[in-house]
Amino acid sequence: MKTFLIGDTHFDHKNVISYCDRPFDDVEEMNETLIKNWNSVVKNSDIVIHMGDIALGNKTRTQEFVKQLKGRKWLIMGNHDKFSIESYYNMGFERVYDRPIIYKDFYILSHKPMFMTKDMPYINIYAHIHNNSMFEDRTFNTWCVSAERINYTPINIEDFKVEFDTEVHLSPSKKRSKIYKDQEIFITLFQGVILYLMVRNGRVFIKAESMLDNSTASLEYNTKTLKIDDIFSEIQEILKDKENLITKKILSKIEKIND
C-alpha cells in the first residue's frame, strides 16, 4: 500500500485553466486528464490524500468525479470545499478533515501553507497556492502538491525523501544521507525498522517506522555538545549496538504499539 498526495484538482472549474496557465483546451479535457492521470498511478488499495479544492459544482457532480477515482480517498478540506463533512463522507471519502492534521508523526498536512520555522521537526505538505511563483515547489521542510506542481498526477509521499537523497550507498546499512542548509536528513534500515533522523541545531529528532505494519514511534535525542559530523558517527555506532539505551527506547516503543 502506498500513500499519494494531490491538491487543487478543481474539477469542472473552467476559469482555473486561464488563472493558472493549465495546459488544457477546455474543462472537459482537464477533467479527463486529471482522472486518467490519477488512475494510472493509484491502486484501489492505496491511500490518496486530497489536499483540498476538489471541484466546483454541486454535490452530485462532485460525487461523480470522486467515484471515478481509484484508491482509499482522504480529504483535507480546502476553501472551495463548501459542503459539510458528512457530505464528503457520502461522496466516498474514507476520512475527512476540516483542519490540518499530523500524518505519521512527521508530516503536517494542510490545505494552505503553514508558517514553519527551522526548529520544527515536521514537513508541511500543502496545496492552495497553485503555481504562484512566490512559493517554491519544495524546501527543506515544505512541499507543495498543488496539481500544477506535480504534473496533474498524484505523487507518492515517499518522493519527498527521494528528492533530498543525493547519495545512495549499497552498504549493509542501506544508508542515505543529505546535508541541506542547517538540517540533515538521515535514513537507515535497522532490524526491520526505518529510522528517520532530522538534525537541527544539535538536536536529533528520531522517527521510527515498522516495515511490518507501519506503526511509528518517535523521540528526541539531544546532541548539542557534539559537532554535526560527530552526530552521525555516534548514531551509526548506536544503531550497531542492540543494548544501547536509545536503540532500546526506539524498539520498545514500537513493540508497545505493536502489542
C-alpha atoms as a PDB file:
ATOM      1  CA  MET A   1       0.000   0.000   0.000  1.00  0.00           C
ATOM      2  CA  LYS A   2       1.274   3.433  -0.956  1.00  0.00           C
ATOM      3  CA  THR A   3       0.217   6.917   0.125  1.00  0.00           C
ATOM      4  CA  PHE A   4      -0.302   9.515  -2.599  1.00  0.00           C
ATOM      5  CA  LEU A   5      -0.941  13.268  -2.384  1.00  0.00           C
ATOM      6  CA  ILE A   6      -2.562  15.837  -4.656  1.00  0.00           C
ATOM      7  CA  GLY A   7      -4.417  19.098  -4.191  1.00  0.00           C
ATOM      8  CA  ASP A   8      -6.304  21.726  -6.163  1.00  0.00           C
ATOM      9  CA  THR A   9      -7.764  19.425  -8.800  1.00  0.00           C
ATOM     10  CA  HIS A  10     -10.604  21.930  -9.324  1.00  0.00           C
ATOM     11  CA  PHE A  11     -12.717  19.594 -11.441  1.00  0.00           C
ATOM     12  CA  ASP A  12     -15.251  21.486 -13.593  1.00  0.00           C
ATOM     13  CA  HIS A  13     -13.572  24.834 -12.869  1.00  0.00           C
ATOM     14  CA  LYS A  14     -13.261  26.404 -16.306  1.00  0.00           C
ATOM     15  CA  ASN A  15     -11.548  29.596 -15.198  1.00  0.00           C
ATOM     16  CA  VAL A  16      -8.717  27.825 -13.353  1.00  0.00           C
ATOM     17  CA  ILE A  17      -7.298  26.897 -16.784  1.00  0.00           C
ATOM     18  CA  SER A  18      -6.553  30.540 -17.554  1.00  0.00           C
ATOM     19  CA  TYR A  19      -5.910  31.591 -13.957  1.00  0.00           C
ATOM     20  CA  CYS A  20      -3.154  29.018 -13.502  1.00  0.00           C
ATOM     21  CA  ASP A  21      -1.972  28.504 -17.093  1.00  0.00           C
ATOM     22  CA  ARG A  22      -3.129  24.902 -17.193  1.00  0.00           C
ATOM     23  CA  PRO A  23      -2.252  23.172 -20.487  1.00  0.00           C
ATOM     24  CA  PHE A  24      -5.809  22.223 -21.439  1.00  0.00           C
ATOM     25  CA  ASP A  25      -8.048  23.480 -24.246  1.00  0.00           C
ATOM     26  CA  ASP A  26     -11.212  23.184 -22.211  1.00  0.00           C
ATOM     27  CA  VAL A  27     -12.621  21.940 -18.909  1.00  0.00           C
ATOM     28  CA  GLU A  28     -13.616  18.573 -20.380  1.00  0.00           C
ATOM     29  CA  GLU A  29     -10.027  17.834 -21.368  1.00  0.00           C
ATOM     30  CA  MET A  30      -8.835  18.921 -17.935  1.00  0.00           C
ATOM     31  CA  ASN A  31     -11.334  16.664 -16.129  1.00  0.00           C
ATOM     32  CA  GLU A  32     -10.479  13.668 -18.284  1.00  0.00           C
ATOM     33  CA  THR A  33      -6.727  14.155 -17.877  1.00  0.00           C
ATOM     34  CA  LEU A  34      -6.930  14.511 -14.106  1.00  0.00           C
ATOM     35  CA  ILE A  35      -8.940  11.292 -13.803  1.00  0.00           C
ATOM     36  CA  LYS A  36      -6.711   9.403 -16.242  1.00  0.00           C
ATOM     37  CA  ASN A  37      -3.504  10.537 -14.518  1.00  0.00           C
ATOM     38  CA  TRP A  38      -4.884   9.682 -11.070  1.00  0.00           C
ATOM     39  CA  ASN A  39      -5.954   6.172 -12.045  1.00  0.00           C
ATOM     40  CA  SER A  40      -2.701   5.496 -13.902  1.00  0.00           C
ATOM     41  CA  VAL A  41      -0.647   5.530 -10.682  1.00  0.00           C
ATOM     42  CA  VAL A  42      -3.116   4.719  -7.896  1.00  0.00           C
ATOM     43  CA  LYS A  43      -4.321   1.229  -6.991  1.00  0.00           C
ATOM     44  CA  ASN A  44      -7.568   0.621  -5.100  1.00  0.00           C
ATOM     45  CA  SER A  45      -5.571  -0.444  -2.028  1.00  0.00           C
ATOM     46  CA  ASP A  46      -3.582   2.826  -1.954  1.00  0.00           C
ATOM     47  CA  ILE A  47      -4.424   5.877   0.149  1.00  0.00           C
ATOM     48  CA  VAL A  48      -4.775   9.172  -1.702  1.00  0.00           C
ATOM     49  CA  ILE A  49      -4.881  12.259   0.479  1.00  0.00           C
ATOM     50  CA  HIS A  50      -6.530  15.116  -1.390  1.00  0.00           C
ATOM     51  CA  MET A  51      -5.219  18.397  -0.013  1.00  0.00           C
ATOM     52  CA  GLY A  52      -8.373  20.344  -0.774  1.00  0.00           C
ATOM     53  CA  ASP A  53     -10.338  22.123  -3.518  1.00  0.00           C
ATOM     54  CA  ILE A  54     -11.700  19.083  -5.303  1.00  0.00           C
ATOM     55  CA  ALA A  55     -14.234  20.583  -7.654  1.00  0.00           C
ATOM     56  CA  LEU A  56     -16.572  23.433  -8.371  1.00  0.00           C
ATOM     57  CA  GLY A  57     -20.188  22.454  -8.756  1.00  0.00           C
ATOM     58  CA  ASN A  58     -22.989  20.751  -6.854  1.00  0.00           C
ATOM     59  CA  LYS A  59     -22.782  17.635  -4.657  1.00  0.00           C
ATOM     60  CA  THR A  60     -23.950  15.273  -7.356  1.00  0.00           C
ATOM     61  CA  ARG A  61     -21.386  16.473  -9.859  1.00  0.00           C
ATOM     62  CA  THR A  62     -18.571  16.372  -7.297  1.00  0.00           C
ATOM     63  CA  GLN A  63     -19.545  12.846  -6.285  1.00  0.00           C
ATOM     64  CA  GLU A  64     -19.401  11.758  -9.928  1.00  0.00           C
ATOM     65  CA  PHE A  65     -15.733  12.750 -10.056  1.00  0.00           C
ATOM     66  CA  VAL A  66     -14.861  11.165  -6.688  1.00  0.00           C
ATOM     67  CA  LYS A  67     -16.400   7.837  -7.714  1.00  0.00           C
ATOM     68  CA  GLN A  68     -14.231   7.664 -10.825  1.00  0.00           C
ATOM     69  CA  LEU A  69     -11.018   7.947  -8.823  1.00  0.00           C
ATOM     70  CA  LYS A  70      -9.192   4.864  -7.543  1.00  0.00           C
ATOM     71  CA  GLY A  71      -7.915   4.395  -4.010  1.00  0.00           C
ATOM     72  CA  ARG A  72      -8.974   4.946  -0.425  1.00  0.00           C
ATOM     73  CA  LYS A  73      -9.576   8.677  -0.557  1.00  0.00           C
ATOM     74  CA  TRP A  74      -8.991  11.116   2.314  1.00  0.00           C
ATOM     75  CA  LEU A  75      -9.758  14.839   2.220  1.00  0.00           C
ATOM     76  CA  ILE A  76      -8.161  17.844   3.902  1.00  0.00           C
ATOM     77  CA  MET A  77     -10.911  20.356   3.143  1.00  0.00           C
ATOM     78  CA  GLY A  78      -9.957  23.486   1.218  1.00  0.00           C
ATOM     79  CA  ASN A  79     -11.590  26.887   0.910  1.00  0.00           C
ATOM     80  CA  HIS A  80     -13.591  25.740  -2.151  1.00  0.00           C
ATOM     81  CA  ASP A  81     -14.855  22.579  -0.460  1.00  0.00           C
ATOM     82  CA  LYS A  82     -18.117  24.140   0.674  1.00  0.00           C
ATOM     83  CA  PHE A  83     -20.205  21.121   1.639  1.00  0.00           C
ATOM     84  CA  SER A  84     -20.481  19.509   5.076  1.00  0.00           C
ATOM     85  CA  ILE A  85     -18.040  16.879   6.338  1.00  0.00           C
ATOM     86  CA  GLU A  86     -20.869  14.340   6.193  1.00  0.00           C
ATOM     87  CA  SER A  87     -21.465  15.189   2.529  1.00  0.00           C
ATOM     88  CA  TYR A  88     -17.886  14.315   1.617  1.00  0.00           C
ATOM     89  CA  TYR A  89     -18.134  11.022   3.507  1.00  0.00           C
ATOM     90  CA  ASN A  90     -21.265  10.266   1.496  1.00  0.00           C
ATOM     91  CA  MET A  91     -19.346  11.016  -1.699  1.00  0.00           C
ATOM     92  CA  GLY A  92     -16.909   8.223  -0.918  1.00  0.00           C
ATOM     93  CA  PHE A  93     -14.115   9.731   1.167  1.00  0.00           C
ATOM     94  CA  GLU A  94     -12.790   7.408   3.859  1.00  0.00           C
ATOM     95  CA  ARG A  95     -11.630  10.258   6.104  1.00  0.00           C
ATOM     96  CA  VAL A  96     -12.464  13.964   6.030  1.00  0.00           C
ATOM     97  CA  TYR A  97     -10.740  16.750   7.981  1.00  0.00           C
ATOM     98  CA  ASP A  98     -11.718  20.408   8.157  1.00  0.00           C
ATOM     99  CA  ARG A  99      -8.347  21.433   9.616  1.00  0.00           C
ATOM    100  CA  PRO A 100      -4.668  20.437   9.304  1.00  0.00           C
ATOM    101  CA  ILE A 101      -3.557  17.042  10.597  1.00  0.00           C
ATOM    102  CA  ILE A 102      -0.233  15.436  11.544  1.00  0.00           C
ATOM    103  CA  TYR A 103       0.352  12.307   9.497  1.00  0.00           C
ATOM    104  CA  LYS A 104       2.691   9.575  10.789  1.00  0.00           C
ATOM    105  CA  ASP A 105       4.124  11.923  13.429  1.00  0.00           C
ATOM    106  CA  PHE A 106       6.188  13.658  10.767  1.00  0.00           C
ATOM    107  CA  TYR A 107       4.088  15.426   8.128  1.00  0.00           C
ATOM    108  CA  ILE A 108       1.780  18.384   8.761  1.00  0.00           C
ATOM    109  CA  LEU A 109      -0.895  18.139   6.068  1.00  0.00           C
ATOM    110  CA  SER A 110      -2.806  21.348   5.431  1.00  0.00           C
ATOM    111  CA  HIS A 111      -4.705  22.947   2.588  1.00  0.00           C
ATOM    112  CA  LYS A 112      -2.953  26.286   2.923  1.00  0.00           C
ATOM    113  CA  PRO A 113       0.793  26.612   3.611  1.00  0.00           C
ATOM    114  CA  MET A 114       1.681  26.963   7.267  1.00  0.00           C
ATOM    115  CA  PHE A 115       4.415  29.031   8.879  1.00  0.00           C
ATOM    116  CA  MET A 116       7.346  26.688   9.509  1.00  0.00           C
ATOM    117  CA  THR A 117      10.473  27.555  11.470  1.00  0.00           C
ATOM    118  CA  LYS A 118      13.782  25.728  11.165  1.00  0.00           C
ATOM    119  CA  ASP A 119      13.336  24.316  14.667  1.00  0.00           C
ATOM    120  CA  MET A 120      10.137  22.427  13.845  1.00  0.00           C
ATOM    121  CA  PRO A 121      10.746  18.665  13.342  1.00  0.00           C
ATOM    122  CA  TYR A 122       7.999  18.360  10.731  1.00  0.00           C
ATOM    123  CA  ILE A 123       7.440  18.661   6.990  1.00  0.00           C
ATOM    124  CA  ASN A 124       4.463  20.793   5.917  1.00  0.00           C
ATOM    125  CA  ILE A 125       2.725  19.442   2.824  1.00  0.00           C
ATOM    126  CA  TYR A 126       0.108  21.764   1.383  1.00  0.00           C
ATOM    127  CA  ALA A 127      -1.779  22.931  -1.712  1.00  0.00           C
ATOM    128  CA  HIS A 128      -3.848  26.108  -2.301  1.00  0.00           C
ATOM    129  CA  ILE A 129      -1.169  28.264  -3.932  1.00  0.00           C
ATOM    130  CA  HIS A 130      -1.276  26.530  -7.350  1.00  0.00           C
ATOM    131  CA  ASN A 131       1.595  27.881  -9.492  1.00  0.00           C
ATOM    132  CA  ASN A 132       2.180  31.088  -7.519  1.00  0.00           C
ATOM    133  CA  SER A 133       5.835  31.971  -8.168  1.00  0.00           C
ATOM    134  CA  MET A 134       6.232  33.402  -4.661  1.00  0.00           C
ATOM    135  CA  PHE A 135       6.410  29.815  -3.373  1.00  0.00           C
ATOM    136  CA  GLU A 136       8.957  27.112  -4.125  1.00  0.00           C
ATOM    137  CA  ASP A 137       7.919  23.589  -5.066  1.00  0.00           C
ATOM    138  CA  ARG A 138       9.945  22.213  -2.147  1.00  0.00           C
ATOM    139  CA  THR A 139      12.153  23.480   0.639  1.00  0.00           C
ATOM    140  CA  PHE A 140      13.862  21.505   3.399  1.00  0.00           C
ATOM    141  CA  ASN A 141      10.596  21.382   5.383  1.00  0.00           C
ATOM    142  CA  THR A 142       7.781  22.285   2.965  1.00  0.00           C
ATOM    143  CA  TRP A 143       6.277  20.654  -0.114  1.00  0.00           C
ATOM    144  CA  CYS A 144       3.537  21.999  -2.367  1.00  0.00           C
ATOM    145  CA  VAL A 145       1.385  19.332  -4.039  1.00  0.00           C
ATOM    146  CA  SER A 146      -0.978  21.590  -5.965  1.00  0.00           C
ATOM    147  CA  ALA A 147      -1.860  19.815  -9.223  1.00  0.00           C
ATOM    148  CA  GLU A 148       0.156  22.299 -11.283  1.00  0.00           C
ATOM    149  CA  ARG A 149       3.321  21.455  -9.335  1.00  0.00           C
ATOM    150  CA  ILE A 150       3.142  17.673  -9.755  1.00  0.00           C
ATOM    151  CA  ASN A 151       2.134  17.296 -13.405  1.00  0.00           C
ATOM    152  CA  TYR A 152      -1.559  16.900 -12.538  1.00  0.00           C
ATOM    153  CA  THR A 153      -0.831  13.431 -11.134  1.00  0.00           C
ATOM    154  CA  PRO A 154      -0.921  12.188  -7.506  1.00  0.00           C
ATOM    155  CA  ILE A 155       2.587  11.854  -6.106  1.00  0.00           C
ATOM    156  CA  ASN A 156       3.896   9.264  -3.662  1.00  0.00           C
ATOM    157  CA  ILE A 157       4.688  10.757  -0.251  1.00  0.00           C
ATOM    158  CA  GLU A 158       7.966   8.794  -0.302  1.00  0.00           C
ATOM    159  CA  ASP A 159       9.129  11.001  -3.181  1.00  0.00           C
ATOM    160  CA  PHE A 160       9.770  13.827  -0.734  1.00  0.00           C
ATOM    161  CA  LYS A 161      12.583  11.819   0.825  1.00  0.00           C
ATOM    162  CA  VAL A 162      13.968  10.792  -2.556  1.00  0.00           C
ATOM    163  CA  GLU A 163      14.154  14.439  -3.604  1.00  0.00           C
ATOM    164  CA  PHE A 164      16.697  15.161  -0.880  1.00  0.00           C
ATOM    165  CA  ASP A 165      18.734  11.962  -1.149  1.00  0.00           C
ATOM    166  CA  THR A 166      21.843  12.676  -3.211  1.00  0.00           C
ATOM    167  CA  GLU A 167      23.945   9.676  -2.195  1.00  0.00           C
ATOM    168  CA  VAL A 168      22.850   6.053  -2.158  1.00  0.00           C
ATOM    169  CA  HIS A 169      25.343   3.635  -0.618  1.00  0.00           C
ATOM    170  CA  LEU A 170      24.751  -0.047  -1.271  1.00  0.00           C
ATOM    171  CA  SER A 171      26.213  -0.930   2.087  1.00  0.00           C
ATOM    172  CA  PRO A 172      24.659  -3.322   4.653  1.00  0.00           C
ATOM    173  CA  SER A 173      23.153  -0.352   6.495  1.00  0.00           C
ATOM    174  CA  LYS A 174      21.395   0.871   3.319  1.00  0.00           C
ATOM    175  CA  LYS A 175      22.281   4.388   4.370  1.00  0.00           C
ATOM    176  CA  ARG A 176      21.163   7.557   2.668  1.00  0.00           C
ATOM    177  CA  SER A 177      22.208  10.994   3.889  1.00  0.00           C
ATOM    178  CA  LYS A 178      21.852  14.599   2.812  1.00  0.00           C
ATOM    179  CA  ILE A 179      23.124  17.854   4.270  1.00  0.00           C
ATOM    180  CA  TYR A 180      20.662  20.616   3.499  1.00  0.00           C
ATOM    181  CA  LYS A 181      21.470  24.027   4.955  1.00  0.00           C
ATOM    182  CA  ASP A 182      21.365  23.578   8.732  1.00  0.00           C
ATOM    183  CA  GLN A 183      19.320  20.378   8.533  1.00  0.00           C
ATOM    184  CA  GLU A 184      20.371  16.830   7.804  1.00  0.00           C
ATOM    185  CA  ILE A 185      18.018  14.006   6.941  1.00  0.00           C
ATOM    186  CA  PHE A 186      19.435  10.590   7.585  1.00  0.00           C
ATOM    187  CA  ILE A 187      17.581   7.424   6.671  1.00  0.00           C
ATOM    188  CA  THR A 188      18.653   3.931   7.612  1.00  0.00           C
ATOM    189  CA  LEU A 189      17.135   0.464   7.750  1.00  0.00           C
ATOM    190  CA  PHE A 190      17.693  -1.281  11.074  1.00  0.00           C
ATOM    191  CA  GLN A 191      16.155  -4.584  12.222  1.00  0.00           C
ATOM    192  CA  GLY A 192      13.064  -4.170  10.049  1.00  0.00           C
ATOM    193  CA  VAL A 193      12.606  -0.585  11.231  1.00  0.00           C
ATOM    194  CA  ILE A 194      13.064   2.511   9.056  1.00  0.00           C
ATOM    195  CA  LEU A 195      14.655   5.341  11.026  1.00  0.00           C
ATOM    196  CA  TYR A 196      14.296   8.977  10.005  1.00  0.00           C
ATOM    197  CA  LEU A 197      16.712  11.290  11.791  1.00  0.00           C
ATOM    198  CA  MET A 198      16.353  15.044  11.460  1.00  0.00           C
ATOM    199  CA  VAL A 199      19.198  17.123  12.848  1.00  0.00           C
ATOM    200  CA  ARG A 200      18.715  20.781  13.646  1.00  0.00           C
ATOM    201  CA  ASN A 201      20.924  22.937  15.830  1.00  0.00           C
ATOM    202  CA  GLY A 202      22.493  19.949  17.528  1.00  0.00           C
ATOM    203  CA  ARG A 203      19.197  18.197  18.275  1.00  0.00           C
ATOM    204  CA  VAL A 204      18.202  14.969  16.610  1.00  0.00           C
ATOM    205  CA  PHE A 205      14.542  14.127  16.146  1.00  0.00           C
ATOM    206  CA  ILE A 206      14.159  10.411  15.562  1.00  0.00           C
ATOM    207  CA  LYS A 207      11.125   8.812  13.968  1.00  0.00           C
ATOM    208  CA  ALA A 208      10.958   5.037  13.667  1.00  0.00           C
ATOM    209  CA  GLU A 209       8.527   3.211  11.403  1.00  0.00           C
ATOM    210  CA  SER A 210       7.981  -0.542  11.403  1.00  0.00           C
ATOM    211  CA  MET A 211       8.091  -2.141   7.958  1.00  0.00           C
ATOM    212  CA  LEU A 212       5.693  -4.829   9.163  1.00  0.00           C
ATOM    213  CA  ASP A 213       2.626  -2.744   9.998  1.00  0.00           C
ATOM    214  CA  ASN A 214       3.631   0.924   9.519  1.00  0.00           C
ATOM    215  CA  SER A 215       3.398   1.613  13.275  1.00  0.00           C
ATOM    216  CA  THR A 216       5.571   4.511  14.414  1.00  0.00           C
ATOM    217  CA  ALA A 217       7.431   5.839  17.421  1.00  0.00           C
ATOM    218  CA  SER A 218       9.478   8.980  17.937  1.00  0.00           C
ATOM    219  CA  LEU A 219      11.856  10.598  20.421  1.00  0.00           C
ATOM    220  CA  GLU A 220      14.280  13.497  20.673  1.00  0.00           C
ATOM    221  CA  TYR A 221      17.995  12.974  21.182  1.00  0.00           C
ATOM    222  CA  ASN A 222      19.944  15.970  22.473  1.00  0.00           C
ATOM    223  CA  THR A 223      23.390  16.252  20.887  1.00  0.00           C
ATOM    224  CA  LYS A 224      24.120  19.934  21.358  1.00  0.00           C
ATOM    225  CA  THR A 225      27.572  19.129  22.698  1.00  0.00           C
ATOM    226  CA  LEU A 226      28.594  17.334  19.503  1.00  0.00           C
ATOM    227  CA  LYS A 227      29.669  18.679  16.152  1.00  0.00           C
ATOM    228  CA  ILE A 228      27.389  17.872  13.247  1.00  0.00           C
ATOM    229  CA  ASP A 229      29.824  15.304  11.785  1.00  0.00           C
ATOM    230  CA  ASP A 230      30.172  13.591  15.152  1.00  0.00           C
ATOM    231  CA  ILE A 231      26.408  13.275  15.492  1.00  0.00           C
ATOM    232  CA  PHE A 232      26.130  10.838  12.630  1.00  0.00           C
ATOM    233  CA  SER A 233      29.212   8.902  13.624  1.00  0.00           C
ATOM    234  CA  GLU A 234      27.712   8.417  17.075  1.00  0.00           C
ATOM    235  CA  ILE A 235      24.279   7.478  15.721  1.00  0.00           C
ATOM    236  CA  GLN A 236      25.752   4.885  13.395  1.00  0.00           C
ATOM    237  CA  GLU A 237      27.567   3.297  16.349  1.00  0.00           C
ATOM    238  CA  ILE A 238      24.387   3.397  18.426  1.00  0.00           C
ATOM    239  CA  LEU A 239      22.423   1.555  15.778  1.00  0.00           C
ATOM    240  CA  LYS A 240      25.005  -1.237  15.757  1.00  0.00           C
ATOM    241  CA  ASP A 241      24.585  -1.752  19.496  1.00  0.00           C
ATOM    242  CA  LYS A 242      21.352  -3.554  20.388  1.00  0.00           C
ATOM    243  CA  GLU A 243      21.968  -2.860  24.082  1.00  0.00           C
ATOM    244  CA  ASN A 244      22.254   0.897  23.657  1.00  0.00           C
ATOM    245  CA  LEU A 245      19.660   2.833  25.663  1.00  0.00           C
ATOM    246  CA  ILE A 246      18.428   4.918  22.721  1.00  0.00           C
ATOM    247  CA  THR A 247      18.144   1.878  20.447  1.00  0.00           C
ATOM    248  CA  LYS A 248      16.204   0.067  23.162  1.00  0.00           C
ATOM    249  CA  LYS A 249      13.860   3.030  23.605  1.00  0.00           C
ATOM    250  CA  ILE A 250      13.039   3.157  19.900  1.00  0.00           C
ATOM    251  CA  LEU A 251      12.423  -0.567  19.605  1.00  0.00           C
ATOM    252  CA  SER A 252      10.488  -0.795  22.882  1.00  0.00           C
ATOM    253  CA  LYS A 253       8.135   1.971  21.753  1.00  0.00           C
ATOM    254  CA  ILE A 254       7.452   0.114  18.539  1.00  0.00           C
ATOM    255  CA  GLU A 255       6.892  -3.132  20.458  1.00  0.00           C
ATOM    256  CA  LYS A 256       4.332  -1.396  22.701  1.00  0.00           C
ATOM    257  CA  ILE A 257       2.494  -0.065  19.696  1.00  0.00           C
ATOM    258  CA  ASN A 258       2.518  -3.493  18.065  1.00  0.00           C
ATOM    259  CA  ASP A 259       1.152  -5.104  21.212  1.00  0.00           C
END
